[in-house]
Protein backbone atom coordinates (compact mmCIF):
# COMPACT_ATOMS: atom_id res chain seq x y z
CA MET A 1 -20.39 -4.38 1.59
CA SER A 2 -16.75 -4.16 2.81
CA SER A 3 -13.54 -3.83 1.38
CA ARG A 4 -10.73 -5.93 1.93
CA ILE A 5 -8.63 -3.10 2.96
CA GLU A 6 -11.71 -2.41 5.39
CA GLN A 7 -11.49 -5.76 7.20
CA ILE A 8 -7.92 -5.08 7.41
CA ILE A 9 -7.95 -2.36 9.47
CA GLU A 10 -10.47 -3.17 11.48
CA GLU A 11 -8.67 -6.59 12.06
CA ILE A 12 -5.62 -4.35 12.98
CA GLU A 13 -7.66 -2.69 15.40
CA GLU A 14 -9.40 -5.25 16.63
CA TYR A 15 -5.98 -6.61 17.70
CA ILE A 16 -4.57 -3.77 18.92
CA ASP A 17 -7.54 -3.19 21.22
CA ARG A 18 -8.28 -7.13 22.21
CA ASP A 19 -5.18 -8.56 21.72
CA CYS A 20 -2.08 -6.41 22.93
CA LYS A 21 -1.51 -5.36 26.62
CA PHE A 22 -0.46 -2.20 27.34
CA GLN A 23 3.37 -1.57 28.84
CA PRO A 24 4.02 -1.70 32.38
CA LEU A 25 3.89 1.77 34.28
CA SER A 26 2.16 2.99 30.99
CA THR A 27 -1.31 3.58 29.99
CA THR A 28 -0.70 4.12 26.13
CA LYS A 29 1.88 2.52 25.27
CA ILE A 30 1.18 -1.22 24.05
CA ILE A 31 3.36 -4.55 23.21
CA VAL A 32 2.70 -5.90 20.00
CA ASN A 33 3.13 -9.30 18.42
CA LYS A 34 5.76 -8.19 15.29
CA GLU A 35 4.76 -11.31 13.43
CA HIS A 36 1.10 -10.48 13.55
CA LEU A 37 0.99 -6.73 12.93
CA ASP A 38 3.49 -7.53 9.92
CA GLU A 39 0.88 -10.26 8.03
CA LEU A 40 -1.40 -7.80 8.33
CA LEU A 41 0.42 -4.73 6.99
CA ARG A 42 1.98 -7.13 4.27
CA GLU A 43 -1.76 -8.19 3.38
CA LEU A 44 -2.81 -4.24 3.25
CA ARG A 45 -0.45 -3.31 1.49
CA MET A 46 -1.20 -5.99 -1.28
CA LYS A 47 -4.49 -4.93 -1.10
CA THR A 48 -4.20 -1.08 -1.42
CA PRO A 49 -3.33 -1.60 -5.47
CA ASP A 50 -6.40 -3.94 -6.05
CA GLU A 51 -9.05 -1.11 -4.41
CA ILE A 52 -7.37 1.85 -6.34
CA LYS A 53 -7.36 0.21 -9.69
CA ARG A 54 -11.02 -0.82 -8.65
CA TYR A 55 -12.19 2.90 -8.24
CA GLN A 56 -9.89 3.64 -10.75
CA LYS A 57 -12.48 1.75 -13.08
CA ILE A 58 -15.37 3.27 -11.81
CA ILE A 59 -13.86 6.97 -12.38
CA ALA A 60 -12.85 5.57 -16.05
CA ASN A 61 -16.68 4.82 -16.38
CA ARG A 62 -17.31 8.17 -16.31
CA ASP A 63 -16.04 8.42 -19.94
CA ALA A 64 -18.05 5.66 -21.00
CA ILE A 65 -21.19 7.38 -19.65
CA LEU A 66 -20.21 10.32 -21.25
CA ALA A 67 -19.99 9.21 -24.61
CA ASP A 68 -23.17 7.12 -23.91
CA ALA A 69 -25.13 10.45 -23.37
CA LYS A 70 -23.18 11.90 -26.20
CA ALA A 71 -24.21 9.43 -28.66
CA LYS A 72 -28.02 9.79 -27.12
CA ALA A 73 -27.86 13.62 -28.17
CA ASP A 74 -26.64 13.29 -31.45
CA ALA A 75 -29.04 10.49 -32.44
CA MET A 76 -31.78 12.59 -31.01
CA ILE A 77 -30.11 16.25 -33.10
CA GLU A 78 -29.95 13.67 -36.40
CA GLU A 79 -33.66 12.56 -36.14
CA ALA A 80 -34.72 16.04 -35.52
CA GLN A 81 -32.66 17.22 -37.92
CA VAL A 82 -34.17 14.65 -40.67
CA GLN A 83 -37.71 15.66 -39.30
CA THR A 84 -37.23 18.85 -40.26
CA THR A 85 -36.20 18.24 -43.66
CA GLU A 86 -39.29 16.15 -44.11
CA LEU A 87 -41.22 19.25 -43.10
CA VAL A 88 -39.26 21.79 -45.12
CA SER A 89 -39.75 19.47 -48.33
CA GLU A 90 -43.52 20.47 -48.26
CA HIS A 91 -43.64 24.02 -49.53
CA GLU A 92 -46.96 24.92 -48.52
CA ILE A 93 -46.02 24.68 -44.84
CA MET A 94 -42.84 26.03 -44.85
CA GLN A 95 -43.22 28.12 -42.33
CA GLN A 96 -44.88 25.29 -40.04
CA ALA A 97 -41.96 23.41 -41.03
CA TYR A 98 -39.45 25.78 -39.83
CA ALA A 99 -41.15 26.77 -36.68
CA GLN A 100 -41.71 22.70 -35.75
CA ALA A 101 -37.90 21.88 -36.48
CA ASN A 102 -36.59 24.45 -34.71
CA GLU A 103 -38.77 23.63 -31.12
CA ILE A 104 -37.64 19.88 -32.09
CA VAL A 105 -33.82 20.80 -32.01
CA THR A 106 -34.72 23.10 -29.48
CA GLN A 107 -35.86 20.67 -27.08
CA ALA A 108 -33.41 18.18 -28.28
CA THR A 109 -30.52 20.27 -27.46
CA ALA A 110 -32.11 21.18 -24.23
CA GLN A 111 -32.34 17.59 -23.11
CA ALA A 112 -28.92 16.48 -24.96
CA GLN A 113 -27.68 18.67 -22.36
CA GLU A 114 -29.09 18.07 -19.50
CA ILE A 115 -28.25 14.04 -20.05
CA LEU A 116 -24.89 15.34 -20.89
CA ASP A 117 -24.94 17.29 -17.70
CA ASN A 118 -26.70 15.16 -15.06
CA ALA A 119 -23.38 12.23 -16.60
CA THR A 120 -21.27 14.96 -15.90
CA MET A 121 -22.44 15.28 -12.24
CA ASP A 122 -22.80 11.40 -11.69
CA ALA A 123 -19.24 10.49 -13.08
CA ASN A 124 -17.68 13.78 -10.82
CA THR A 125 -19.67 12.41 -7.31
CA ILE A 126 -18.27 8.74 -8.01
CA ARG A 127 -14.57 10.05 -8.81
CA VAL A 128 -14.64 12.34 -5.87
CA GLY A 129 -16.30 9.66 -3.43
CA ALA A 130 -13.62 6.88 -5.10
CA ILE A 131 -10.80 9.55 -4.38
CA GLN A 132 -12.07 10.36 -1.00
CA TYR A 133 -12.83 6.74 0.14
CA THR A 134 -8.68 5.41 -0.87
CA ASP A 135 -7.90 8.66 0.91
CA ASP A 136 -9.25 7.42 4.15
CA LEU A 137 -8.24 3.82 3.92
CA LEU A 138 -4.44 5.25 3.33
CA ALA A 139 -5.11 8.07 6.47
CA ASN A 140 -6.13 4.92 8.71
CA ALA A 141 -3.07 3.03 7.40
CA GLU A 142 -0.84 5.52 7.95
CA SER A 143 -1.99 6.76 11.10
CA ILE A 144 -1.82 2.71 12.82
CA ILE A 145 1.54 2.07 10.82
CA GLY A 146 2.83 5.58 13.02
CA HIS A 147 1.39 4.05 16.11
CA THR A 148 3.52 1.50 15.75
CA LEU A 149 6.22 2.95 14.71
CA ASP A 150 5.96 5.17 17.44
CA SER A 151 5.76 2.74 20.00
CA TYR A 152 8.38 0.59 18.82
CA THR A 153 10.69 3.77 19.01
CA THR A 154 10.05 4.39 22.57
CA LYS A 155 9.86 0.80 23.59
CA TYR A 156 13.32 0.47 22.16
CA ASP A 157 14.65 4.26 23.42
CA GLY A 158 13.82 2.56 26.98
CA LEU A 159 15.58 -0.82 26.48
CA ILE A 160 19.06 1.11 26.09
CA ASN A 161 18.83 3.34 28.52
CA SER A 162 18.09 0.62 31.25
CA LEU A 163 20.94 -1.04 29.69
CA GLN A 164 23.37 2.22 29.56
CA GLU A 165 22.21 2.24 33.55
CA CYS A 166 23.40 -1.04 34.15
CA TYR A 167 26.46 -0.51 32.30
CA ASP A 168 27.12 2.90 34.43
CA THR A 169 26.50 1.08 37.65
CA VAL A 170 28.32 -2.15 37.00
CA ARG A 171 31.61 0.19 35.56
CA SER A 172 31.06 2.49 39.09
CA ASN A 173 31.00 -0.48 41.18
CA ARG A 174 33.98 -2.16 39.56
CA SER A 175 35.81 0.95 39.88
CA GLU A 176 35.32 1.01 43.44
CA LEU A 177 35.99 -2.40 44.01
CA GLU A 178 39.78 -3.02 45.58
CA VAL A 179 41.61 -6.26 44.72
CA PRO A 180 43.09 -8.04 47.62
CA SER A 181 46.74 -9.41 47.29
CA ASP A 182 49.38 -11.20 48.99
CA ASP A 183 50.59 -8.76 51.86
CA GLY A 184 47.96 -6.15 51.36
CA TYR A 185 45.47 -4.77 49.24
CA TYR A 186 45.59 -3.08 45.40
CA ASP A 187 43.55 -0.42 44.34
CA GLU A 188 41.76 -0.90 40.88
CA ASN A 189 44.94 0.32 39.04
CA GLY A 190 46.91 -2.60 40.89
CA GLN A 191 49.19 -0.57 42.80
CA GLY A 192 49.96 -1.60 46.40
CA ASP A 193 47.93 -0.05 49.46
CA LEU A 194 49.57 -1.24 52.74
CA ARG A 195 47.06 -1.29 55.30
């Protein structure tokens, strides 16, 4: 089951692919509805901390798994020690008791170590997976936001250049314009020009 962050990222991708049109004379730049994209990004910002908290809880469970494994190992060692004490208490089978006790302690220690190793490995796998997943989500969000920022920057730069060209053209045309007077013509500075 995908998280809400993944769903929002898919919605942003679908919106860009399906609903956004290319800018005139461009095959790489698109025109986006700022309100719609802002709404999706706002929801993405609100959901990201919840997802990270969820994965932090998974990582925190690692400590519970390790504590449980340690408790089981301690119980097994204690049980082995109890059995050792019972066996040793009988004088005539002292040697056999020591051998059995050592074997039980060795098996319990090995089993406890195996449980601890497995629990540590599982917890580390969960932690690495959670961090990788969160990093992938943030990388996707970073890519989408960066692409949108580049698109807007290019669009606004184009608008400013276009306005500057229009302004320069109007100014140039105006400077070439001669204003007529009653007895002749005036240049752009209002100086008489008799013809």
